[in-house]
Structure formats: C-alpha cells, structure tokens
Amino acid sequence: MRIPQKFQAVPGIGLSLYCPLCRQAMSPFHTTLKGRAYHLCPTCRFILLDPALHSSDQAQKERYREHKNSADNPGYVAMFQKFIDACVRPFAKPACRTLDLGCGPGPVLAGLLREAGHPTEIFDPFFFPQIPPGNFDLVTLTEVLEHLPDPVAALRPWVGRLAPGGLLAGMTRFHPDDPLKFGAWPYRRDITHVSFYVPKTLDIVARALGLSARFTDGERYFVWEKPAGPADSP
C-alpha cells in the first residue's frame, strides 16, 4: 500500500527526475508503447515511474479492492506463510509485538502472525487508518515498497516506532536491471506500482533509516534491524 502524505510524520520531498534516495539525476530507463516512462538512478538502481503518471489515491483504493486478497484464497495465504517462514520465524523473538503496515482490506498476514504467537496490530491508510499506539518489536512491510515514491520519507516515522533491536521484515519483487526484461516484467504493470528495487537499493534505504540489513534472498525478501539501545547491548 502506498502511504499518503497525510499519514507521514515528516514531509516528503518534491518529486522530480532526481532520485529521492541518492539525490542523483535519474536517467530514462524504459518507456512503454502507452507512454509509461520509468527512470533509473545510476547509483542505487532505484526505478521510479514518472511522477506525472502516478495514480490518485482513489484510483489506488479501487485497484486494491479488485484484488482477491482474503483468507479464502489459498495462494494468498501460502504467500504470507512463506514470508513468515523466511523472514519472521528465523529472526523474530517469540511473542513480539508486531505491526502489519499496509495490510490492505483483508489483513490475512496479521491473522497468521497472531496464530504464530505474535500479538499484531494493523495499519493501512485506506482501510485501517487508525494509528495504533506504542512501539513494536517487529514491523512487517509486505507488498508495500513498490507503492512508495519516496520510501525513506514514508518509512521514517514507522522506524521511529521500532523498539531498539526491533526488526522490519518485508517483501517486494526485485526488478530485472535490464530495460527489455523490465518492459516484459508483469510486476511493473500494476498501475499502483511506482517504485522498484534491487538489493543494493534496499541497503541504501536501510542505511538512510538507521537500520542494518540482516537478510535478503536476492529475489523478494528482506529483513532489517534497528540498533539495540544501551540497555540491550552486551
């Protein structure tokens, strides 16, 4: 889910043809026959759909409602179970307080996390906009990054809610760093997907947020960690 400006605790930067992560000029990368133009940062390999083509909040919400994302969809449930097995079970402490950020209209992942023993709150700017109080030991960010034109600005307030030593675990499809393959890539065709990453991009995002990378499978999964506070240090 894209997190609209009104739910960010810090102002976003004005979008332009400069990378919001590196502040470097972005280069034309791929333009479809329908004129959807994508730009690439030569430093971090961040790809951004031209800002003039980003969907309105209403168009995004309507698109999300079209998804068959519910507990009745076995494939959707299996996707989250694989995420839990790859990114939560190996790294998260038992019974850690969790926030499912950008959960969508059907918070299936939150239910699975609760079944796994993690008390889980939810937030979604379109469907569950009430911001839960307190800090969290784990924030999950599944199929969210691709909706964020400036991921650092959007995520910074939520990282501020991570407890020392807390984890941010997520998934997004890493882009094929080739214009022809990117043009044929189904993942970029969703009108709500505006930003695309490779592991190098995510390392830069993590460092900008003061987090360290714990894990990536090089395809879609990643886990970041917040430094432990003095009382948690060995």
C-alpha atoms as a PDB file:
ATOM      1  CA  MET A   1       0.000   0.000   0.000  1.00  0.00           C
ATOM      2  CA  ARG A   2       1.178   3.467  -0.788  1.00  0.00           C
ATOM      3  CA  ILE A   3       1.146   5.608   2.366  1.00  0.00           C
ATOM      4  CA  PRO A   4      -0.359   9.003   1.502  1.00  0.00           C
ATOM      5  CA  GLN A   5       1.351  12.191   2.610  1.00  0.00           C
ATOM      6  CA  LYS A   6      -1.262  12.891   5.290  1.00  0.00           C
ATOM      7  CA  PHE A   7      -0.126   9.778   7.188  1.00  0.00           C
ATOM      8  CA  GLN A   8       3.556  10.603   7.069  1.00  0.00           C
ATOM      9  CA  ALA A   9       5.019  12.171  10.184  1.00  0.00           C
ATOM     10  CA  VAL A  10       7.602  14.043   8.138  1.00  0.00           C
ATOM     11  CA  PRO A  11       7.111  15.978   4.909  1.00  0.00           C
ATOM     12  CA  GLY A  12       8.099  14.245   1.687  1.00  0.00           C
ATOM     13  CA  ILE A  13      10.394  15.815  -0.845  1.00  0.00           C
ATOM     14  CA  GLY A  14       9.082  17.215  -4.072  1.00  0.00           C
ATOM     15  CA  LEU A  15       9.293  14.533  -6.715  1.00  0.00           C
ATOM     16  CA  SER A  16      11.373  15.267  -9.750  1.00  0.00           C
ATOM     17  CA  LEU A  17      13.770  13.419 -12.000  1.00  0.00           C
ATOM     18  CA  TYR A  18      16.212  13.229  -9.095  1.00  0.00           C
ATOM     19  CA  CYS A  19      16.500  10.061  -7.075  1.00  0.00           C
ATOM     20  CA  PRO A  20      14.824  10.560  -3.680  1.00  0.00           C
ATOM     21  CA  LEU A  21      17.438   8.248  -2.152  1.00  0.00           C
ATOM     22  CA  CYS A  22      20.711   9.449  -3.720  1.00  0.00           C
ATOM     23  CA  ARG A  23      19.714  12.923  -4.920  1.00  0.00           C
ATOM     24  CA  GLN A  24      21.345  11.997  -8.234  1.00  0.00           C
ATOM     25  CA  ALA A  25      19.828  12.801 -11.625  1.00  0.00           C
ATOM     26  CA  MET A  26      17.830   9.832 -12.870  1.00  0.00           C
ATOM     27  CA  SER A  27      18.149   8.571 -16.438  1.00  0.00           C
ATOM     28  CA  PRO A  28      15.422   7.361 -18.825  1.00  0.00           C
ATOM     29  CA  PHE A  29      15.217   3.590 -18.435  1.00  0.00           C
ATOM     30  CA  HIS A  30      12.128   2.291 -20.215  1.00  0.00           C
ATOM     31  CA  THR A  31       9.039   3.762 -21.881  1.00  0.00           C
ATOM     32  CA  THR A  32       6.099   1.566 -22.814  1.00  0.00           C
ATOM     33  CA  LEU A  33       4.089   1.848 -26.027  1.00  0.00           C
ATOM     34  CA  LYS A  34       1.390   3.534 -23.934  1.00  0.00           C
ATOM     35  CA  GLY A  35       3.867   6.177 -22.772  1.00  0.00           C
ATOM     36  CA  ARG A  36       4.513   4.997 -19.213  1.00  0.00           C
ATOM     37  CA  ALA A  37       8.028   6.290 -18.618  1.00  0.00           C
ATOM     38  CA  TYR A  38      10.361   4.859 -15.987  1.00  0.00           C
ATOM     39  CA  HIS A  39      13.549   6.466 -14.694  1.00  0.00           C
ATOM     40  CA  LEU A  40      16.634   4.821 -13.186  1.00  0.00           C
ATOM     41  CA  CYS A  41      19.097   6.080 -10.596  1.00  0.00           C
ATOM     42  CA  PRO A  42      22.589   5.104 -11.843  1.00  0.00           C
ATOM     43  CA  THR A  43      23.892   4.973  -8.265  1.00  0.00           C
ATOM     44  CA  CYS A  44      21.382   2.856  -6.322  1.00  0.00           C
ATOM     45  CA  ARG A  45      19.442   1.324  -9.273  1.00  0.00           C
ATOM     46  CA  PHE A  46      16.128   2.667  -7.920  1.00  0.00           C
ATOM     47  CA  ILE A  47      13.484   2.772 -10.678  1.00  0.00           C
ATOM     48  CA  LEU A  48      10.639   5.277 -10.446  1.00  0.00           C
ATOM     49  CA  LEU A  49       7.608   5.671 -12.662  1.00  0.00           C
ATOM     50  CA  ASP A  50       7.394   9.246 -13.919  1.00  0.00           C
ATOM     51  CA  PRO A  51       5.623  11.160 -11.106  1.00  0.00           C
ATOM     52  CA  ALA A  52       3.131  12.686 -13.563  1.00  0.00           C
ATOM     53  CA  LEU A  53       1.770   9.162 -14.122  1.00  0.00           C
ATOM     54  CA  HIS A  54       1.187   8.152 -10.509  1.00  0.00           C
ATOM     55  CA  SER A  55      -2.376   7.098  -9.747  1.00  0.00           C
ATOM     56  CA  SER A  56      -4.646   9.126  -7.494  1.00  0.00           C
ATOM     57  CA  ASP A  57      -5.446   7.801  -4.029  1.00  0.00           C
ATOM     58  CA  GLN A  58      -8.983   6.974  -5.170  1.00  0.00           C
ATOM     59  CA  ALA A  59      -7.748   5.022  -8.200  1.00  0.00           C
ATOM     60  CA  GLN A  60      -5.354   3.101  -5.969  1.00  0.00           C
ATOM     61  CA  LYS A  61      -8.068   2.244  -3.475  1.00  0.00           C
ATOM     62  CA  GLU A  62     -10.331   0.969  -6.240  1.00  0.00           C
ATOM     63  CA  ARG A  63      -7.489  -1.147  -7.599  1.00  0.00           C
ATOM     64  CA  TYR A  64      -6.787  -2.674  -4.180  1.00  0.00           C
ATOM     65  CA  ARG A  65     -10.441  -3.642  -3.827  1.00  0.00           C
ATOM     66  CA  GLU A  66     -10.151  -5.651  -7.064  1.00  0.00           C
ATOM     67  CA  HIS A  67      -7.558  -7.970  -5.527  1.00  0.00           C
ATOM     68  CA  LYS A  68      -8.793 -11.313  -4.259  1.00  0.00           C
ATOM     69  CA  ASN A  69      -6.739 -10.957  -1.107  1.00  0.00           C
ATOM     70  CA  SER A  70      -8.551 -12.874   1.599  1.00  0.00           C
ATOM     71  CA  ALA A  71      -8.182 -15.887   3.848  1.00  0.00           C
ATOM     72  CA  ASP A  72     -10.338 -17.792   1.332  1.00  0.00           C
ATOM     73  CA  ASN A  73      -7.580 -17.530  -1.287  1.00  0.00           C
ATOM     74  CA  PRO A  74      -5.151 -20.439  -0.662  1.00  0.00           C
ATOM     75  CA  GLY A  75      -2.440 -18.916  -2.831  1.00  0.00           C
ATOM     76  CA  TYR A  76      -2.598 -15.620  -0.958  1.00  0.00           C
ATOM     77  CA  VAL A  77      -2.368 -17.393   2.396  1.00  0.00           C
ATOM     78  CA  ALA A  78       0.540 -19.533   1.166  1.00  0.00           C
ATOM     79  CA  MET A  79       2.417 -16.405   0.025  1.00  0.00           C
ATOM     80  CA  PHE A  80       2.300 -14.992   3.553  1.00  0.00           C
ATOM     81  CA  GLN A  81       3.152 -18.318   5.142  1.00  0.00           C
ATOM     82  CA  LYS A  82       6.314 -18.456   3.020  1.00  0.00           C
ATOM     83  CA  PHE A  83       7.127 -14.911   4.110  1.00  0.00           C
ATOM     84  CA  ILE A  84       6.725 -15.864   7.773  1.00  0.00           C
ATOM     85  CA  ASP A  85       8.908 -18.931   7.315  1.00  0.00           C
ATOM     86  CA  ALA A  86      11.640 -16.918   5.550  1.00  0.00           C
ATOM     87  CA  CYS A  87      11.610 -13.592   7.399  1.00  0.00           C
ATOM     88  CA  VAL A  88       9.844 -13.938  10.747  1.00  0.00           C
ATOM     89  CA  ARG A  89      10.500 -17.347  12.284  1.00  0.00           C
ATOM     90  CA  PRO A  90      14.316 -17.249  11.844  1.00  0.00           C
ATOM     91  CA  PHE A  91      14.751 -13.706  13.195  1.00  0.00           C
ATOM     92  CA  ALA A  92      11.885 -12.528  15.429  1.00  0.00           C
ATOM     93  CA  LYS A  93      11.726 -13.150  19.142  1.00  0.00           C
ATOM     94  CA  PRO A  94       8.793 -15.200  20.443  1.00  0.00           C
ATOM     95  CA  ALA A  95       5.586 -13.274  21.106  1.00  0.00           C
ATOM     96  CA  CYS A  96       6.995  -9.977  19.828  1.00  0.00           C
ATOM     97  CA  ARG A  97       4.600  -7.050  19.459  1.00  0.00           C
ATOM     98  CA  THR A  98       4.074  -6.633  15.727  1.00  0.00           C
ATOM     99  CA  LEU A  99       2.649  -4.066  13.321  1.00  0.00           C
ATOM    100  CA  ASP A 100       1.434  -5.184   9.893  1.00  0.00           C
ATOM    101  CA  LEU A 101       1.985  -1.960   7.953  1.00  0.00           C
ATOM    102  CA  GLY A 102      -0.060  -1.565   4.761  1.00  0.00           C
ATOM    103  CA  CYS A 103      -2.212  -4.619   5.477  1.00  0.00           C
ATOM    104  CA  GLY A 104      -4.832  -3.880   2.798  1.00  0.00           C
ATOM    105  CA  PRO A 105      -8.573  -4.513   3.108  1.00  0.00           C
ATOM    106  CA  GLY A 106      -8.096  -8.111   4.283  1.00  0.00           C
ATOM    107  CA  PRO A 107      -5.360  -8.374   6.958  1.00  0.00           C
ATOM    108  CA  VAL A 108      -4.543 -12.032   6.338  1.00  0.00           C
ATOM    109  CA  LEU A 109      -0.898 -11.733   7.387  1.00  0.00           C
ATOM    110  CA  ALA A 110      -1.899 -10.250  10.744  1.00  0.00           C
ATOM    111  CA  GLY A 111      -4.077 -13.287  11.418  1.00  0.00           C
ATOM    112  CA  LEU A 112      -1.262 -15.679  10.556  1.00  0.00           C
ATOM    113  CA  LEU A 113       1.168 -13.772  12.767  1.00  0.00           C
ATOM    114  CA  ARG A 114      -1.269 -13.962  15.672  1.00  0.00           C
ATOM    115  CA  GLU A 115      -1.596 -17.703  15.102  1.00  0.00           C
ATOM    116  CA  ALA A 116       2.195 -17.886  15.247  1.00  0.00           C
ATOM    117  CA  GLY A 117       2.118 -16.261  18.692  1.00  0.00           C
ATOM    118  CA  HIS A 118       2.877 -12.624  17.820  1.00  0.00           C
ATOM    119  CA  PRO A 119       0.327 -10.067  19.073  1.00  0.00           C
ATOM    120  CA  THR A 120      -0.250  -8.000  15.940  1.00  0.00           C
ATOM    121  CA  GLU A 121      -1.732  -4.577  15.240  1.00  0.00           C
ATOM    122  CA  ILE A 122      -2.625  -3.333  11.757  1.00  0.00           C
ATOM    123  CA  PHE A 123      -2.443  -0.078   9.844  1.00  0.00           C
ATOM    124  CA  ASP A 124      -3.492   0.798   6.331  1.00  0.00           C
ATOM    125  CA  PRO A 125      -4.043   4.378   5.142  1.00  0.00           C
ATOM    126  CA  PHE A 126      -7.095   3.435   3.079  1.00  0.00           C
ATOM    127  CA  PHE A 127      -8.762   0.652   5.052  1.00  0.00           C
ATOM    128  CA  PHE A 128      -7.488   0.779   8.662  1.00  0.00           C
ATOM    129  CA  PRO A 129      -6.261   4.366   9.165  1.00  0.00           C
ATOM    130  CA  GLN A 130      -6.324   4.394  12.974  1.00  0.00           C
ATOM    131  CA  ILE A 131      -2.659   4.513  14.016  1.00  0.00           C
ATOM    132  CA  PRO A 132      -2.021   2.031  16.852  1.00  0.00           C
ATOM    133  CA  PRO A 133      -0.201   3.366  19.924  1.00  0.00           C
ATOM    134  CA  GLY A 134       3.156   2.350  21.317  1.00  0.00           C
ATOM    135  CA  ASN A 135       6.282   0.784  19.894  1.00  0.00           C
ATOM    136  CA  PHE A 136       6.795  -2.517  18.128  1.00  0.00           C
ATOM    137  CA  ASP A 137       9.403  -5.272  18.107  1.00  0.00           C
ATOM    138  CA  LEU A 138       8.551  -6.210  14.515  1.00  0.00           C
ATOM    139  CA  VAL A 139       7.084  -4.249  11.604  1.00  0.00           C
ATOM    140  CA  THR A 140       6.059  -6.208   8.514  1.00  0.00           C
ATOM    141  CA  LEU A 141       6.071  -4.492   5.135  1.00  0.00           C
ATOM    142  CA  THR A 142       4.751  -6.930   2.538  1.00  0.00           C
ATOM    143  CA  GLU A 143       3.992  -5.689  -0.989  1.00  0.00           C
ATOM    144  CA  VAL A 144       4.262  -2.068   0.190  1.00  0.00           C
ATOM    145  CA  LEU A 145       7.595  -0.673  -1.027  1.00  0.00           C
ATOM    146  CA  GLU A 146       6.549  -0.719  -4.670  1.00  0.00           C
ATOM    147  CA  HIS A 147       3.807   1.802  -3.848  1.00  0.00           C
ATOM    148  CA  LEU A 148       6.158   4.352  -2.237  1.00  0.00           C
ATOM    149  CA  PRO A 149       7.728   7.053  -4.434  1.00  0.00           C
ATOM    150  CA  ASP A 150       9.993   8.098  -1.546  1.00  0.00           C
ATOM    151  CA  PRO A 151      10.406   5.082   0.745  1.00  0.00           C
ATOM    152  CA  VAL A 152      12.729   6.791   3.225  1.00  0.00           C
ATOM    153  CA  ALA A 153      10.334   9.660   3.902  1.00  0.00           C
ATOM    154  CA  ALA A 154       7.352   7.305   4.118  1.00  0.00           C
ATOM    155  CA  LEU A 155       9.008   4.783   6.439  1.00  0.00           C
ATOM    156  CA  ARG A 156      10.965   7.074   8.749  1.00  0.00           C
ATOM    157  CA  PRO A 157       8.098   7.703  11.220  1.00  0.00           C
ATOM    158  CA  TRP A 158       7.366   3.984  11.403  1.00  0.00           C
ATOM    159  CA  VAL A 159      11.011   3.124  12.013  1.00  0.00           C
ATOM    160  CA  GLY A 160      10.762   5.582  14.881  1.00  0.00           C
ATOM    161  CA  ARG A 161       8.159   3.238  16.366  1.00  0.00           C
ATOM    162  CA  LEU A 162      10.515   0.257  16.261  1.00  0.00           C
ATOM    163  CA  ALA A 163      11.891  -0.711  19.657  1.00  0.00           C
ATOM    164  CA  PRO A 164      15.705  -0.925  19.986  1.00  0.00           C
ATOM    165  CA  GLY A 165      16.772  -4.203  18.421  1.00  0.00           C
ATOM    166  CA  GLY A 166      13.469  -4.391  16.554  1.00  0.00           C
ATOM    167  CA  LEU A 167      13.068  -5.767  13.052  1.00  0.00           C
ATOM    168  CA  LEU A 168      11.471  -4.546   9.852  1.00  0.00           C
ATOM    169  CA  ALA A 169      10.711  -7.510   7.587  1.00  0.00           C
ATOM    170  CA  GLY A 170       9.268  -7.173   4.120  1.00  0.00           C
ATOM    171  CA  MET A 171       8.904  -8.368   0.593  1.00  0.00           C
ATOM    172  CA  THR A 172       8.778  -6.792  -2.836  1.00  0.00           C
ATOM    173  CA  ARG A 173       9.841  -8.157  -6.217  1.00  0.00           C
ATOM    174  CA  PHE A 174      13.384  -7.069  -7.144  1.00  0.00           C
ATOM    175  CA  HIS A 175      13.457  -5.665 -10.650  1.00  0.00           C
ATOM    176  CA  PRO A 176      15.337  -7.104 -13.620  1.00  0.00           C
ATOM    177  CA  ASP A 177      18.036  -4.488 -14.202  1.00  0.00           C
ATOM    178  CA  ASP A 178      17.608  -4.563 -17.970  1.00  0.00           C
ATOM    179  CA  PRO A 179      15.200  -2.353 -19.991  1.00  0.00           C
ATOM    180  CA  LEU A 180      13.904  -5.157 -22.229  1.00  0.00           C
ATOM    181  CA  LYS A 181      13.302  -7.581 -19.361  1.00  0.00           C
ATOM    182  CA  PHE A 182      11.773  -4.804 -17.292  1.00  0.00           C
ATOM    183  CA  GLY A 183       9.362  -3.974 -20.112  1.00  0.00           C
ATOM    184  CA  ALA A 184       8.120  -7.579 -20.168  1.00  0.00           C
ATOM    185  CA  TRP A 185       8.007  -7.891 -16.373  1.00  0.00           C
ATOM    186  CA  PRO A 186       4.397  -8.444 -15.176  1.00  0.00           C
ATOM    187  CA  TYR A 187       5.057  -6.892 -11.758  1.00  0.00           C
ATOM    188  CA  ARG A 188       5.539  -3.386 -13.160  1.00  0.00           C
ATOM    189  CA  ARG A 189       2.166  -3.467 -14.942  1.00  0.00           C
ATOM    190  CA  ASP A 190       0.062  -2.903 -11.824  1.00  0.00           C
ATOM    191  CA  ILE A 191      -0.932   0.774 -12.039  1.00  0.00           C
ATOM    192  CA  THR A 192      -0.265   1.225  -8.321  1.00  0.00           C
ATOM    193  CA  HIS A 193       3.344   0.033  -8.565  1.00  0.00           C
ATOM    194  CA  VAL A 194       5.539   3.103  -8.969  1.00  0.00           C
ATOM    195  CA  SER A 195       8.933   2.174  -7.488  1.00  0.00           C
ATOM    196  CA  PHE A 196      11.201  -0.800  -7.939  1.00  0.00           C
ATOM    197  CA  TYR A 197      14.317  -2.039  -6.178  1.00  0.00           C
ATOM    198  CA  VAL A 198      17.307  -4.348  -6.186  1.00  0.00           C
ATOM    199  CA  PRO A 199      19.157  -5.453  -3.026  1.00  0.00           C
ATOM    200  CA  LYS A 200      21.633  -2.575  -3.395  1.00  0.00           C
ATOM    201  CA  THR A 201      18.730  -0.104  -3.362  1.00  0.00           C
ATOM    202  CA  LEU A 202      17.337  -1.617  -0.198  1.00  0.00           C
ATOM    203  CA  ASP A 203      20.739  -1.436   1.514  1.00  0.00           C
ATOM    204  CA  ILE A 204      20.752   2.321   0.848  1.00  0.00           C
ATOM    205  CA  VAL A 205      17.179   2.691   2.117  1.00  0.00           C
ATOM    206  CA  ALA A 206      18.050   0.758   5.272  1.00  0.00           C
ATOM    207  CA  ARG A 207      21.143   2.866   5.996  1.00  0.00           C
ATOM    208  CA  ALA A 208      19.188   6.087   5.442  1.00  0.00           C
ATOM    209  CA  LEU A 209      16.723   4.873   8.059  1.00  0.00           C
ATOM    210  CA  GLY A 210      19.469   3.958  10.518  1.00  0.00           C
ATOM    211  CA  LEU A 211      18.877   0.219  10.102  1.00  0.00           C
ATOM    212  CA  SER A 212      21.211  -2.626   9.217  1.00  0.00           C
ATOM    213  CA  ALA A 213      20.466  -5.393   6.735  1.00  0.00           C
ATOM    214  CA  ARG A 214      20.054  -8.830   8.340  1.00  0.00           C
ATOM    215  CA  PHE A 215      18.828 -10.898   5.399  1.00  0.00           C
ATOM    216  CA  THR A 216      17.766 -10.919   1.767  1.00  0.00           C
ATOM    217  CA  ASP A 217      17.155 -13.824  -0.577  1.00  0.00           C
ATOM    218  CA  GLY A 218      18.088 -11.634  -3.554  1.00  0.00           C
ATOM    219  CA  GLU A 219      14.648 -12.056  -5.097  1.00  0.00           C
ATOM    220  CA  ARG A 220      11.942 -10.585  -2.872  1.00  0.00           C
ATOM    221  CA  TYR A 221      12.529 -10.967   0.896  1.00  0.00           C
ATOM    222  CA  PHE A 222      14.480  -8.703   3.239  1.00  0.00           C
ATOM    223  CA  VAL A 223      14.935  -8.159   6.987  1.00  0.00           C
ATOM    224  CA  TRP A 224      16.373  -5.017   8.580  1.00  0.00           C
ATOM    225  CA  GLU A 225      17.322  -4.452  12.219  1.00  0.00           C
ATOM    226  CA  LYS A 226      17.327  -1.365  14.416  1.00  0.00           C
ATOM    227  CA  PRO A 227      20.404  -0.916  16.628  1.00  0.00           C
ATOM    228  CA  ALA A 228      19.958  -2.094  20.178  1.00  0.00           C
ATOM    229  CA  GLY A 229      19.811   0.548  22.883  1.00  0.00           C
ATOM    230  CA  PRO A 230      22.482   0.821  25.609  1.00  0.00           C
ATOM    231  CA  ALA A 231      20.479  -1.346  27.982  1.00  0.00           C
ATOM    232  CA  ASP A 232      20.248  -4.058  25.308  1.00  0.00           C
ATOM    233  CA  SER A 233      23.899  -4.030  24.339  1.00  0.00           C
ATOM    234  CA  PRO A 234      26.135  -6.863  25.569  1.00  0.00           C
END
